[in-house]
């Protein structure tokens, strides 16, 4: 993959174009129903090969920003007013420029895996331990997601020292460690909320909470990310392509 270097970071060219087009869509430069420039035009404008441009457009389509129509091109498709927790692009990318905040409940800390962990772990994962973190995500000041992350401690130097307040975990992994989320497995179930989750998400006493257990595949062979997520779906539903 052809890359460009920004400071000490190498960003794949397809991702650079993806971010430019995504920003233009979120900022309203291209509105719902608009055609993006053609593949030829994007190649000429950004000095990229056709396969690179196609990869950028395919990623935009997979994340729900455009629909590709044979004979027409790439047509902008506005994301619903919902939470993209099921999307490999992550919550921050999915909600766009809306007021999304992250409150750190437990700062990243290195610890052994829980004995009753929700997924089967490899021997390397067990030996390496995990980086554990708890966050609450607020959209327009409404607490919507309680996110418990388990990241295998495999070649992630100084990750516990990084600032995650109001930051995207996926973006930090992508920009600082060149880790891309490719897909994964997840289990969803409505369950009674514990007292801690109920307080954190402002749930009523008998109000259920949507619980997601996720195992996410990355572009690094053998490296998976895990999370246990509790969602308050009273105001916002969730959607995504996975």
Protein backbone atom coordinates (compact mmCIF):
# COMPACT_ATOMS: atom_id res chain seq x y z
CA UNK A 1 0.00 0.00 0.00
CA UNK A 2 1.34 3.44 -0.98
CA UNK A 3 1.65 5.72 2.04
CA UNK A 4 2.41 9.35 2.77
CA UNK A 5 4.35 10.46 5.80
CA UNK A 6 3.06 13.10 8.19
CA UNK A 7 5.69 13.76 10.85
CA UNK A 8 6.62 10.30 12.07
CA UNK A 9 3.31 8.75 11.02
CA UNK A 10 2.63 6.92 7.76
CA UNK A 11 -0.99 7.23 6.62
CA UNK A 12 -2.20 5.06 3.71
CA UNK A 13 -3.17 7.19 0.72
CA UNK A 14 -6.61 5.61 0.42
CA UNK A 15 -7.27 6.61 4.05
CA UNK A 16 -6.12 10.17 3.43
CA UNK A 17 -8.59 10.52 0.55
CA UNK A 18 -11.31 8.80 2.62
CA UNK A 19 -10.88 11.35 5.42
CA UNK A 20 -10.99 14.29 2.99
CA UNK A 21 -14.19 13.09 1.32
CA UNK A 22 -15.80 12.10 4.62
CA UNK A 23 -15.12 15.57 6.05
CA UNK A 24 -16.60 17.21 2.95
CA UNK A 25 -19.74 15.09 3.32
CA UNK A 26 -20.09 15.86 7.04
CA UNK A 27 -19.44 19.57 6.45
CA UNK A 28 -22.15 19.72 3.77
CA UNK A 29 -19.88 20.35 0.79
CA UNK A 30 -21.58 17.30 -0.70
CA UNK A 31 -25.21 16.86 0.38
CA UNK A 32 -27.50 13.87 0.23
CA UNK A 33 -28.10 12.89 -3.38
CA UNK A 34 -25.01 14.71 -4.70
CA UNK A 35 -22.54 12.92 -6.93
CA UNK A 36 -18.93 12.77 -5.78
CA UNK A 37 -16.26 13.48 -8.40
CA UNK A 38 -15.64 10.54 -10.72
CA UNK A 39 -12.82 8.07 -10.14
CA UNK A 40 -10.86 9.69 -12.98
CA UNK A 41 -11.32 13.15 -11.49
CA UNK A 42 -10.24 11.99 -8.02
CA UNK A 43 -7.17 10.29 -9.53
CA UNK A 44 -6.16 13.49 -11.30
CA UNK A 45 -6.98 15.81 -8.39
CA UNK A 46 -5.15 13.82 -5.71
CA UNK A 47 -2.43 12.17 -7.81
CA UNK A 48 -3.56 8.66 -6.87
CA UNK A 49 -3.99 5.42 -8.77
CA UNK A 50 -7.42 4.07 -9.61
CA UNK A 51 -7.17 1.11 -7.16
CA UNK A 52 -6.34 3.55 -4.34
CA UNK A 53 -9.31 5.77 -5.20
CA UNK A 54 -11.60 2.74 -5.45
CA UNK A 55 -10.48 1.56 -2.01
CA UNK A 56 -11.33 4.99 -0.55
CA UNK A 57 -14.78 4.94 -2.15
CA UNK A 58 -15.41 1.35 -1.06
CA UNK A 59 -14.58 2.30 2.53
CA UNK A 60 -16.96 5.28 2.33
CA UNK A 61 -19.66 2.96 1.01
CA UNK A 62 -19.04 0.36 3.71
CA UNK A 63 -19.33 3.06 6.37
CA UNK A 64 -22.62 4.29 4.90
CA UNK A 65 -21.55 7.69 3.56
CA UNK A 66 -22.18 6.94 -0.13
CA UNK A 67 -23.98 4.48 -2.36
CA UNK A 68 -22.25 3.30 -5.52
CA UNK A 69 -24.54 3.09 -8.55
CA UNK A 70 -23.47 1.40 -11.77
CA UNK A 71 -23.38 3.94 -14.56
CA UNK A 72 -23.93 6.92 -12.24
CA UNK A 73 -21.05 6.97 -9.77
CA UNK A 74 -20.86 7.56 -6.03
CA UNK A 75 -23.95 9.23 -4.58
CA UNK A 76 -23.87 10.79 -1.10
CA UNK A 77 -26.08 9.09 1.45
CA UNK A 78 -26.56 10.94 4.74
CA UNK A 79 -26.17 8.79 7.81
CA UNK A 80 -29.30 8.42 9.95
CA UNK A 81 -29.50 10.31 13.22
CA UNK A 82 -28.46 7.25 15.14
CA UNK A 83 -25.36 5.90 16.83
CA UNK A 84 -22.80 4.07 14.70
CA UNK A 85 -21.63 1.75 17.42
CA UNK A 86 -21.93 -1.23 15.07
CA UNK A 87 -19.77 0.43 12.44
CA UNK A 88 -16.10 -0.37 12.02
CA UNK A 89 -15.61 3.38 11.62
CA UNK A 90 -16.46 3.83 15.30
CA UNK A 91 -18.83 6.13 17.14
CA UNK A 92 -16.84 9.33 16.59
CA UNK A 93 -16.75 8.85 12.83
CA UNK A 94 -20.41 7.87 12.61
CA UNK A 95 -21.91 10.83 14.49
CA UNK A 96 -19.95 13.39 12.50
CA UNK A 97 -19.86 16.94 13.84
CA UNK A 98 -22.51 16.45 16.51
CA UNK A 99 -21.55 17.15 20.11
CA UNK A 100 -19.94 13.87 21.11
CA UNK A 101 -17.95 13.81 24.35
CA UNK A 102 -16.00 11.09 26.11
CA UNK A 103 -15.73 10.90 29.88
CA UNK A 104 -13.00 8.62 31.22
CA UNK A 105 -14.22 6.55 34.17
CA UNK A 106 -11.19 4.26 34.50
CA UNK A 107 -7.96 5.41 32.84
CA UNK A 108 -6.08 2.86 30.69
CA UNK A 109 -4.29 0.41 32.96
CA UNK A 110 -2.36 -2.81 32.30
CA UNK A 111 -3.89 -5.81 34.04
CA UNK A 112 -4.39 -9.59 33.68
CA UNK A 113 -7.43 -10.78 31.75
CA UNK A 114 -10.53 -11.59 33.83
CA UNK A 115 -10.88 -15.29 34.58
CA UNK A 116 -14.40 -15.36 33.11
CA UNK A 117 -13.61 -13.33 29.99
CA UNK A 118 -16.39 -13.23 27.41
CA UNK A 119 -14.30 -14.53 24.46
CA UNK A 120 -11.71 -17.28 24.08
CA UNK A 121 -8.18 -15.86 24.14
CA UNK A 122 -5.01 -17.04 22.44
CA UNK A 123 -1.99 -18.05 24.49
CA UNK A 124 -0.15 -14.89 23.37
CA UNK A 125 -3.05 -12.71 24.50
CA UNK A 126 -3.17 -14.42 27.89
CA UNK A 127 0.58 -14.05 28.38
CA UNK A 128 0.60 -10.39 27.34
CA UNK A 129 -2.23 -9.15 29.55
CA UNK A 130 -4.64 -6.41 28.51
CA UNK A 131 -5.02 -2.66 28.61
CA UNK A 132 -8.30 -2.03 30.44
CA UNK A 133 -10.31 1.18 30.19
CA UNK A 134 -13.85 2.37 30.99
CA UNK A 135 -15.51 5.32 29.24
CA UNK A 136 -18.90 6.98 29.02
CA UNK A 137 -19.86 8.53 25.67
CA UNK A 138 -22.26 11.48 25.70
CA UNK A 139 -24.07 12.78 22.63
CA UNK A 140 -25.45 16.29 23.00
CA UNK A 141 -24.84 15.89 26.77
CA UNK A 142 -26.97 12.72 26.96
CA UNK A 143 -25.03 9.67 28.28
CA UNK A 144 -25.65 6.97 25.69
CA UNK A 145 -22.82 4.44 25.90
CA UNK A 146 -20.83 2.87 28.71
CA UNK A 147 -17.83 1.29 27.02
CA UNK A 148 -15.43 -1.16 28.72
CA UNK A 149 -12.42 -1.84 26.48
CA UNK A 150 -9.94 -4.71 26.63
CA UNK A 151 -6.92 -4.25 24.34
CA UNK A 152 -4.24 -6.97 24.20
CA UNK A 153 -0.92 -5.54 25.36
CA UNK A 154 0.86 -6.55 22.15
CA UNK A 155 3.30 -3.98 20.72
CA UNK A 156 1.36 -0.88 21.87
CA UNK A 157 4.11 1.19 23.53
CA UNK A 158 3.02 3.96 25.94
CA UNK A 159 -0.66 3.53 25.16
CA UNK A 160 -1.61 3.86 28.83
CA UNK A 161 0.00 7.32 28.87
CA UNK A 162 -2.14 8.64 25.99
CA UNK A 163 -4.98 11.11 26.42
CA UNK A 164 -8.36 9.53 25.69
CA UNK A 165 -10.64 12.26 27.07
CA UNK A 166 -12.86 13.36 24.16
CA UNK A 167 -10.70 11.32 21.79
CA UNK A 168 -11.52 8.43 19.47
CA UNK A 169 -9.89 5.12 20.40
CA UNK A 170 -10.07 3.93 16.78
CA UNK A 171 -8.37 7.11 15.55
CA UNK A 172 -5.57 6.84 18.14
CA UNK A 173 -4.96 3.22 17.15
CA UNK A 174 -4.98 4.14 13.47
CA UNK A 175 -2.81 7.27 13.65
CA UNK A 176 -0.32 6.19 16.33
CA UNK A 177 -0.07 2.42 15.79
CA UNK A 178 -1.30 1.93 12.19
CA UNK A 179 -4.03 -0.41 13.43
CA UNK A 180 -7.19 -0.54 11.31
CA UNK A 181 -10.43 -2.22 12.39
CA UNK A 182 -11.52 -4.69 9.70
CA UNK A 183 -14.70 -6.25 11.15
CA UNK A 184 -15.56 -8.73 13.84
CA UNK A 185 -18.10 -10.61 15.90
CA UNK A 186 -20.64 -9.25 18.35
CA UNK A 187 -23.40 -10.47 20.58
CA UNK A 188 -26.37 -8.26 21.51
CA UNK A 189 -28.85 -8.75 24.31
CA UNK A 190 -31.18 -6.57 26.36
CA UNK A 191 -30.44 -7.09 30.06
CA UNK A 192 -31.34 -5.49 33.40
CA UNK A 193 -28.95 -2.64 34.14
CA UNK A 194 -26.72 -2.86 37.19
CA UNK A 195 -26.84 0.01 39.65
CA UNK A 196 -23.54 1.36 38.33
CA UNK A 197 -24.65 1.30 34.68
CA UNK A 198 -28.05 2.72 35.63
CA UNK A 199 -26.42 5.70 37.36
CA UNK A 200 -23.90 6.26 34.56
CA UNK A 201 -26.52 6.25 31.78
CA UNK A 202 -29.32 7.92 33.77
CA UNK A 203 -31.61 4.93 33.35
CA UNK A 204 -34.86 4.43 35.20
CA UNK A 205 -34.93 1.71 37.84
CA UNK A 206 -36.57 -1.00 35.70
CA UNK A 207 -35.30 0.20 32.34
CA UNK A 208 -33.30 -2.46 30.43
CA UNK A 209 -30.02 -1.71 28.73
CA UNK A 210 -28.71 -3.06 25.43
CA UNK A 211 -25.51 -5.00 26.03
CA UNK A 212 -22.98 -5.69 23.25
CA UNK A 213 -19.98 -7.99 23.53
CA UNK A 214 -17.56 -7.36 20.68
CA UNK A 215 -14.46 -9.00 19.26
CA UNK A 216 -12.95 -6.82 16.53
CA UNK A 217 -10.49 -8.02 13.94
CA UNK A 218 -7.64 -5.69 12.93
CA UNK A 219 -5.14 -5.49 10.08
CA UNK A 220 -2.49 -6.89 12.46
CA UNK A 221 -2.55 -10.71 12.31
CA UNK A 222 -3.57 -12.15 15.66
CA UNK A 223 -4.48 -8.78 17.19
CA UNK A 224 -8.10 -8.42 18.27
CA UNK A 225 -9.81 -5.68 20.28
CA UNK A 226 -12.54 -6.53 22.76
CA UNK A 227 -15.26 -4.47 24.37
CA UNK A 228 -18.29 -4.81 26.60
CA UNK A 229 -20.71 -2.00 25.74
CA UNK A 230 -23.92 -0.88 27.42
CA UNK A 231 -26.22 1.35 25.31
CA UNK A 232 -29.04 3.64 26.36
CA UNK A 233 -31.30 3.45 23.29
CA UNK A 234 -34.21 5.46 24.71
CA UNK A 235 -33.41 8.52 22.56
CA UNK A 236 -31.00 7.14 19.95
CA UNK A 237 -31.15 3.79 18.20
CA UNK A 238 -27.99 2.18 16.89
CA UNK A 239 -27.01 1.18 13.39
CA UNK A 240 -23.98 0.21 11.42
CA UNK A 241 -22.29 -1.90 8.78
CA UNK A 242 -20.05 -4.64 10.17
